[in-house]
């Protein structure tokens, strides 16, 4: 074969490459349009039956020289790229996405600017039991220079016979104590109907793990002008977690703090398994601040300090943990709460 013939074939090959590129991009645009329709209709983007039908049809029309298996492999890669394109378009559309808003969201709560690059702490008892109990913890929180006080007034529990919290009376105790010590209240709300009342008493609405996909509650929290601390569900994927936050922001409230609190796995050494890698993933995928609840993720007070250090080292915006004046007599989660002295040491080690 002469050089002229070789050059001619190469030019033809270049033209075919350009034709292939045009066809592939044309296919990609069709895939995007299909993905948008599926998203509006709430359909799954991946349809294995449709993919198999397309592959079978392509192989029927294959006349070589490629083997059927080679053709199937090539088109599977094209299909995979198309599916990834649909996924990217879906993420790009989310209001919580880093692609939609590159800069970090910073949330001001009584002077605490969550997401500003500095560590912040939310501390307090698991459950509000009495004024004296909350006040003793609040004093120590204030003495440590902190401003965010947590406490459970509504407590969704695994067993219906466990302590469920003091309800509205618990919120009133939290508000009274917080005002006395100039602190901000972070407390969980479990019923959408309680949101309107709760905003009078809390500075941050917490949505717990068991309610992460309580969509009516998410929408109700998104409709008020209060920051929301959203915890990851017990078995929720990161994608599901991000979409739960999207429910809130879609209603107009963008002051959302994501909280990793451990997920359920086969492991029994800890209450849950702390998914520490979720922190940088959430920081990359969204513009929202990310905190870590070391109490519920481990269920063990002896692991609170090392897991808090790990969370801060990997880029968490803050730590949530539980403190009780006398954990041995706590009405809930006694094994995982710090006493006052342990809390002081905890804060000293983290500074």
Protein backbone atom coordinates (compact mmCIF):
# COMPACT_ATOMS: atom_id res chain seq x y z
CA UNK A 1 0.00 0.00 0.00
CA UNK A 2 1.38 3.39 -1.01
CA UNK A 3 1.63 6.35 1.31
CA UNK A 4 -1.07 8.11 -0.73
CA UNK A 5 -3.49 5.23 -0.18
CA UNK A 6 -2.67 5.16 3.52
CA UNK A 7 -3.22 8.92 3.84
CA UNK A 8 -6.53 8.61 1.99
CA UNK A 9 -7.76 5.89 4.37
CA UNK A 10 -6.65 7.92 7.36
CA UNK A 11 -8.59 10.94 6.12
CA UNK A 12 -11.66 8.75 5.67
CA UNK A 13 -11.13 7.41 9.19
CA UNK A 14 -10.93 10.95 10.57
CA UNK A 15 -14.20 11.78 8.83
CA UNK A 16 -15.85 8.69 10.31
CA UNK A 17 -14.56 9.68 13.78
CA UNK A 18 -16.16 13.11 13.35
CA UNK A 19 -19.40 11.48 12.17
CA UNK A 20 -19.35 9.17 15.19
CA UNK A 21 -18.80 12.15 17.49
CA UNK A 22 -21.76 13.97 15.97
CA UNK A 23 -23.98 10.91 16.29
CA UNK A 24 -22.88 10.22 19.89
CA UNK A 25 -23.59 13.83 20.91
CA UNK A 26 -26.94 13.72 19.12
CA UNK A 27 -27.75 10.58 21.09
CA UNK A 28 -26.64 12.31 24.32
CA UNK A 29 -29.06 15.19 23.71
CA UNK A 30 -31.91 12.71 23.18
CA UNK A 31 -30.93 10.95 26.40
CA UNK A 32 -31.04 14.29 28.28
CA UNK A 33 -34.52 15.01 26.96
CA UNK A 34 -35.71 11.54 27.97
CA UNK A 35 -34.15 12.02 31.42
CA UNK A 36 -35.99 15.32 31.92
CA UNK A 37 -39.31 13.68 31.06
CA UNK A 38 -38.61 10.78 33.41
CA UNK A 39 -37.68 13.18 36.21
CA UNK A 40 -40.94 15.12 35.81
CA UNK A 41 -42.92 11.88 35.87
CA UNK A 42 -40.98 10.43 38.80
CA UNK A 43 -39.71 7.48 36.75
CA UNK A 44 -36.46 5.60 37.27
CA UNK A 45 -33.77 6.82 34.91
CA UNK A 46 -32.39 3.30 34.39
CA UNK A 47 -34.65 0.89 32.48
CA UNK A 48 -32.93 -2.52 32.13
CA UNK A 49 -35.72 -3.96 29.92
CA UNK A 50 -35.38 -1.08 27.47
CA UNK A 51 -31.58 -1.47 27.45
CA UNK A 52 -31.82 -5.18 26.68
CA UNK A 53 -34.29 -4.52 23.83
CA UNK A 54 -31.92 -1.94 22.31
CA UNK A 55 -28.92 -4.28 22.56
CA UNK A 56 -30.81 -7.16 20.97
CA UNK A 57 -31.96 -4.93 18.11
CA UNK A 58 -28.41 -3.65 17.53
CA UNK A 59 -26.97 -7.18 17.44
CA UNK A 60 -29.60 -8.27 14.93
CA UNK A 61 -28.42 -5.52 12.58
CA UNK A 62 -24.70 -6.21 13.12
CA UNK A 63 -23.05 -7.48 9.93
CA UNK A 64 -19.45 -7.44 11.17
CA UNK A 65 -16.55 -7.41 11.25
CA UNK A 66 -17.08 -6.92 15.02
CA UNK A 67 -18.38 -9.92 16.97
CA UNK A 68 -21.77 -9.51 18.68
CA UNK A 69 -20.07 -9.53 22.08
CA UNK A 70 -17.78 -6.66 21.05
CA UNK A 71 -20.68 -4.62 19.70
CA UNK A 72 -22.65 -5.24 22.91
CA UNK A 73 -19.69 -4.13 25.02
CA UNK A 74 -19.25 -0.90 23.03
CA UNK A 75 -22.92 0.02 23.25
CA UNK A 76 -23.11 -0.83 26.95
CA UNK A 77 -20.41 1.77 27.53
CA UNK A 78 -22.37 4.29 25.48
CA UNK A 79 -25.53 3.50 27.47
CA UNK A 80 -23.60 3.84 30.73
CA UNK A 81 -22.29 7.26 29.70
CA UNK A 82 -25.84 8.32 28.83
CA UNK A 83 -27.14 7.22 32.24
CA UNK A 84 -24.36 9.14 33.97
CA UNK A 85 -25.31 12.19 31.91
CA UNK A 86 -28.90 11.91 33.15
CA UNK A 87 -27.65 11.59 36.74
CA UNK A 88 -25.46 14.69 36.32
CA UNK A 89 -28.40 16.65 34.91
CA UNK A 90 -30.52 15.57 37.88
CA UNK A 91 -27.87 16.70 40.40
CA UNK A 92 -27.30 19.94 38.49
CA UNK A 93 -30.98 20.77 38.91
CA UNK A 94 -30.91 20.46 42.70
CA UNK A 95 -30.96 23.73 44.62
CA UNK A 96 -28.67 22.24 47.29
CA UNK A 97 -26.09 21.24 44.68
CA UNK A 98 -22.60 22.70 44.72
CA UNK A 99 -22.97 23.06 40.94
CA UNK A 100 -25.96 25.32 41.44
CA UNK A 101 -24.26 27.40 44.15
CA UNK A 102 -20.44 27.08 44.30
CA UNK A 103 -19.95 29.14 47.46
CA UNK A 104 -20.59 27.71 50.94
CA UNK A 105 -23.86 28.46 52.69
CA UNK A 106 -23.19 30.13 56.05
CA UNK A 107 -25.97 30.09 58.64
CA UNK A 108 -26.11 32.62 61.47
CA UNK A 109 -27.63 31.38 64.73
CA UNK A 110 -27.30 33.96 67.53
CA UNK A 111 -23.83 34.91 66.31
CA UNK A 112 -22.71 31.34 65.55
CA UNK A 113 -21.90 31.28 61.84
CA UNK A 114 -22.15 27.62 60.90
CA UNK A 115 -20.19 26.87 57.73
CA UNK A 116 -17.59 29.61 58.15
CA UNK A 117 -14.67 27.17 58.32
CA UNK A 118 -14.50 27.11 62.12
CA UNK A 119 -15.73 24.24 64.32
CA UNK A 120 -19.05 24.73 66.12
CA UNK A 121 -20.68 22.64 68.83
CA UNK A 122 -24.26 21.72 69.69
CA UNK A 123 -24.44 20.27 73.20
CA UNK A 124 -27.17 19.31 75.65
CA UNK A 125 -29.15 16.43 77.12
CA UNK A 126 -30.79 13.75 75.03
CA UNK A 127 -34.18 14.51 76.59
CA UNK A 128 -35.54 17.45 78.52
CA UNK A 129 -36.46 16.00 81.91
CA UNK A 130 -36.75 19.05 84.15
CA UNK A 131 -35.81 22.72 84.42
CA UNK A 132 -33.00 21.97 86.88
CA UNK A 133 -31.49 19.27 84.65
CA UNK A 134 -31.43 21.51 81.57
CA UNK A 135 -30.20 24.53 83.53
CA UNK A 136 -27.21 22.63 84.94
CA UNK A 137 -26.14 21.58 81.46
CA UNK A 138 -26.82 25.04 80.02
CA UNK A 139 -24.54 26.64 82.60
CA UNK A 140 -21.66 24.38 81.56
CA UNK A 141 -22.37 24.96 77.87
CA UNK A 142 -22.22 28.71 78.49
CA UNK A 143 -19.05 28.39 80.59
CA UNK A 144 -17.38 26.63 77.64
CA UNK A 145 -18.14 29.62 75.44
CA UNK A 146 -20.75 27.77 73.39
CA UNK A 147 -24.12 29.14 72.28
CA UNK A 148 -26.06 26.17 70.87
CA UNK A 149 -28.11 24.10 73.34
CA UNK A 150 -29.78 20.89 72.21
CA UNK A 151 -32.50 18.97 74.01
CA UNK A 152 -35.28 16.58 73.04
CA UNK A 153 -38.86 17.58 73.86
CA UNK A 154 -40.48 15.26 71.31
CA UNK A 155 -38.67 11.91 71.33
CA UNK A 156 -39.53 9.32 68.67
CA UNK A 157 -38.40 6.07 70.26
CA UNK A 158 -38.06 2.53 68.96
CA UNK A 159 -40.34 1.19 71.68
CA UNK A 160 -43.73 2.86 72.31
CA UNK A 161 -43.18 2.26 76.03
CA UNK A 162 -39.97 4.30 76.27
CA UNK A 163 -39.94 7.92 77.43
CA UNK A 164 -41.37 10.04 74.62
CA UNK A 165 -40.38 13.46 75.95
CA UNK A 166 -42.27 16.28 77.65
CA UNK A 167 -43.62 17.74 74.43
CA UNK A 168 -44.56 21.41 74.46
CA UNK A 169 -43.64 21.68 78.14
CA UNK A 170 -40.14 20.54 77.24
CA UNK A 171 -39.85 23.24 74.59
CA UNK A 172 -40.95 25.85 77.13
CA UNK A 173 -38.24 24.67 79.55
CA UNK A 174 -35.62 24.84 76.82
CA UNK A 175 -36.67 28.35 75.84
CA UNK A 176 -36.68 29.58 79.43
CA UNK A 177 -33.23 28.17 80.16
CA UNK A 178 -31.79 29.34 76.85
CA UNK A 179 -33.00 32.88 77.47
CA UNK A 180 -31.48 32.88 80.94
CA UNK A 181 -28.07 31.82 79.60
CA UNK A 182 -28.29 33.60 76.24
CA UNK A 183 -28.22 30.37 74.25
CA UNK A 184 -29.95 29.19 71.08
CA UNK A 185 -32.32 26.21 71.19
CA UNK A 186 -31.93 23.21 68.87
CA UNK A 187 -34.76 20.71 69.25
CA UNK A 188 -36.49 18.04 67.23
CA UNK A 189 -39.99 18.39 65.85
CA UNK A 190 -41.75 15.24 64.68
CA UNK A 191 -45.18 16.45 63.56
CA UNK A 192 -45.73 18.97 60.75
CA UNK A 193 -48.67 20.38 62.72
CA UNK A 194 -46.28 21.35 65.56
CA UNK A 195 -43.96 23.47 63.40
CA UNK A 196 -45.99 26.67 63.72
CA UNK A 197 -46.00 26.40 67.52
CA UNK A 198 -42.40 25.24 67.77
CA UNK A 199 -40.94 28.27 65.99
CA UNK A 200 -41.91 30.36 69.04
CA UNK A 201 -39.55 28.28 71.21
CA UNK A 202 -36.71 26.95 69.03
CA UNK A 203 -33.96 28.69 67.09
CA UNK A 204 -33.15 25.61 65.00
CA UNK A 205 -35.66 22.96 63.95
CA UNK A 206 -34.12 19.52 64.13
CA UNK A 207 -35.49 16.76 61.90
CA UNK A 208 -34.38 13.42 63.24
CA UNK A 209 -33.13 10.33 61.47
CA UNK A 210 -36.46 8.55 61.67
CA UNK A 211 -38.17 11.50 60.01
CA UNK A 212 -35.64 12.22 57.27
CA UNK A 213 -38.16 11.08 54.67
CA UNK A 214 -41.24 12.46 56.39
CA UNK A 215 -41.88 14.62 53.35
CA UNK A 216 -44.74 16.62 54.84
CA UNK A 217 -42.52 17.52 57.80
CA UNK A 218 -39.68 18.50 55.45
CA UNK A 219 -42.00 20.75 53.46
CA UNK A 220 -43.41 22.31 56.64
CA UNK A 221 -39.89 23.06 57.91
CA UNK A 222 -39.04 24.54 54.53
CA UNK A 223 -41.97 26.92 54.75
CA UNK A 224 -40.81 28.74 57.90
CA UNK A 225 -37.96 31.15 58.51
CA UNK A 226 -35.90 29.02 60.88
CA UNK A 227 -32.66 27.11 60.26
CA UNK A 228 -33.13 23.35 59.98
CA UNK A 229 -30.74 20.67 61.19
CA UNK A 230 -31.47 17.59 59.08
CA UNK A 231 -30.15 14.23 60.26
CA UNK A 232 -29.38 11.38 57.89
CA UNK A 233 -31.76 8.44 58.08
CA UNK A 234 -30.74 5.14 59.63
CA UNK A 235 -30.45 3.40 56.27
CA UNK A 236 -30.47 6.35 53.89
CA UNK A 237 -28.07 6.67 50.99
CA UNK A 238 -26.27 9.96 50.54
CA UNK A 239 -28.42 10.64 47.47
CA UNK A 240 -31.60 10.15 49.51
CA UNK A 241 -30.18 12.42 52.23
CA UNK A 242 -29.42 15.17 49.72
CA UNK A 243 -32.89 14.88 48.20
CA UNK A 244 -34.46 15.18 51.65
CA UNK A 245 -32.63 18.51 52.02
CA UNK A 246 -33.96 19.47 48.59
CA UNK A 247 -37.52 19.11 49.90
CA UNK A 248 -36.74 21.78 52.50
CA UNK A 249 -34.95 24.23 50.21
CA UNK A 250 -37.59 23.80 47.49
CA UNK A 251 -40.07 25.49 49.84
CA UNK A 252 -37.84 28.53 50.22
CA UNK A 253 -35.76 27.78 53.32
CA UNK A 254 -32.09 27.40 52.42
CA UNK A 255 -30.71 27.53 55.97
CA UNK A 256 -30.08 23.80 56.25
CA UNK A 257 -27.40 22.01 58.27
CA UNK A 258 -26.79 18.39 57.25
CA UNK A 259 -25.95 16.05 60.11
CA UNK A 260 -24.28 12.67 59.69
CA UNK A 261 -25.32 10.49 62.65
CA UNK A 262 -24.31 7.01 61.61
CA UNK A 263 -26.09 4.40 59.55
CA UNK A 264 -27.35 0.92 60.36
CA UNK A 265 -25.03 -1.92 59.36
CA UNK A 266 -24.34 -5.46 60.56
CA UNK A 267 -21.85 -4.13 63.15
CA UNK A 268 -22.91 -4.45 66.81
CA UNK A 269 -19.89 -2.92 68.55
CA UNK A 270 -21.44 0.53 68.16
CA UNK A 271 -25.04 1.72 68.10
CA UNK A 272 -24.63 2.72 64.44
CA UNK A 273 -21.72 2.87 62.02
CA UNK A 274 -20.33 6.38 61.60
CA UNK A 275 -19.99 7.00 57.87
CA UNK A 276 -17.15 9.48 58.19
CA UNK A 277 -16.62 9.59 54.42
CA UNK A 278 -20.08 11.11 54.06
CA UNK A 279 -18.70 14.43 55.36
CA UNK A 280 -16.38 15.26 52.43
CA UNK A 281 -18.86 13.79 49.94
CA UNK A 282 -21.64 16.04 51.22
CA UNK A 283 -19.27 19.01 51.28
CA UNK A 284 -18.36 18.36 47.63
CA UNK A 285 -21.88 17.60 46.40
CA UNK A 286 -23.71 20.38 48.28
CA UNK A 287 -23.04 23.92 49.50
CA UNK A 288 -24.58 23.19 52.91
CA UNK A 289 -22.68 22.95 56.21
CA UNK A 290 -22.19 19.43 57.56
CA UNK A 291 -22.06 18.43 61.21
CA UNK A 292 -21.49 15.05 62.86
CA UNK A 293 -23.51 13.66 65.77
CA UNK A 294 -20.93 11.53 67.57
CA UNK A 295 -23.38 10.44 70.28
CA UNK A 296 -25.96 8.66 68.16
CA UNK A 297 -23.43 7.35 65.66
CA UNK A 298 -21.49 5.45 68.32
CA UNK A 299 -23.82 5.05 71.29
CA UNK A 300 -20.72 4.91 73.49
CA UNK A 301 -19.35 7.77 75.54
CA UNK A 302 -15.82 6.30 75.37
CA UNK A 303 -15.83 6.84 71.59
CA UNK A 304 -17.13 10.41 71.54
CA UNK A 305 -13.75 12.14 71.65
CA UNK A 306 -11.90 10.11 68.98
CA UNK A 307 -14.84 10.22 66.57
CA UNK A 308 -15.21 13.97 67.13
CA UNK A 309 -11.52 14.43 66.32
CA UNK A 310 -11.96 12.34 63.18
CA UNK A 311 -14.98 14.39 62.12
CA UNK A 312 -13.14 17.66 62.57
CA UNK A 313 -10.05 16.34 60.80
CA UNK A 314 -12.07 15.32 57.75
CA UNK A 315 -13.73 18.72 57.43
CA UNK A 316 -16.96 18.71 59.45
CA UNK A 317 -18.35 22.13 60.30
CA UNK A 318 -19.23 21.06 63.80
CA UNK A 319 -20.00 18.39 66.38
CA UNK A 320 -23.22 17.45 68.12
CA UNK A 321 -23.05 15.46 71.36
CA UNK A 322 -25.14 14.81 74.46
CA UNK A 323 -24.44 15.95 78.01
CA UNK A 324 -26.38 15.07 81.17
CA UNK A 325 -25.72 16.04 84.80
CA UNK A 326 -26.09 12.40 85.86
CA UNK A 327 -26.25 10.01 82.88
CA UNK A 328 -26.88 6.97 85.09
CA UNK A 329 -30.40 8.21 85.87
CA UNK A 330 -31.17 9.70 82.46
CA UNK A 331 -34.62 8.85 81.11
CA UNK A 332 -33.14 8.05 77.69
CA UNK A 333 -29.81 6.94 76.21
CA UNK A 334 -27.91 6.87 79.50
CA UNK A 335 -24.97 4.87 78.09
CA UNK A 336 -24.01 7.45 75.49
CA UNK A 337 -24.26 10.78 77.34
CA UNK A 338 -21.31 12.60 78.89
CA UNK A 339 -21.41 13.86 82.44
CA UNK A 340 -20.25 17.40 83.22
CA UNK A 341 -16.59 16.56 83.91
CA UNK A 342 -16.31 14.43 80.81
CA UNK A 343 -17.85 17.25 78.80
CA UNK A 344 -15.24 19.71 80.10
CA UNK A 345 -12.42 17.32 79.15
CA UNK A 346 -14.06 16.70 75.78
CA UNK A 347 -14.06 20.40 74.95
CA UNK A 348 -10.52 20.90 76.26
CA UNK A 349 -9.22 18.10 74.01
CA UNK A 350 -10.92 19.51 70.92
CA UNK A 351 -9.52 23.02 71.31
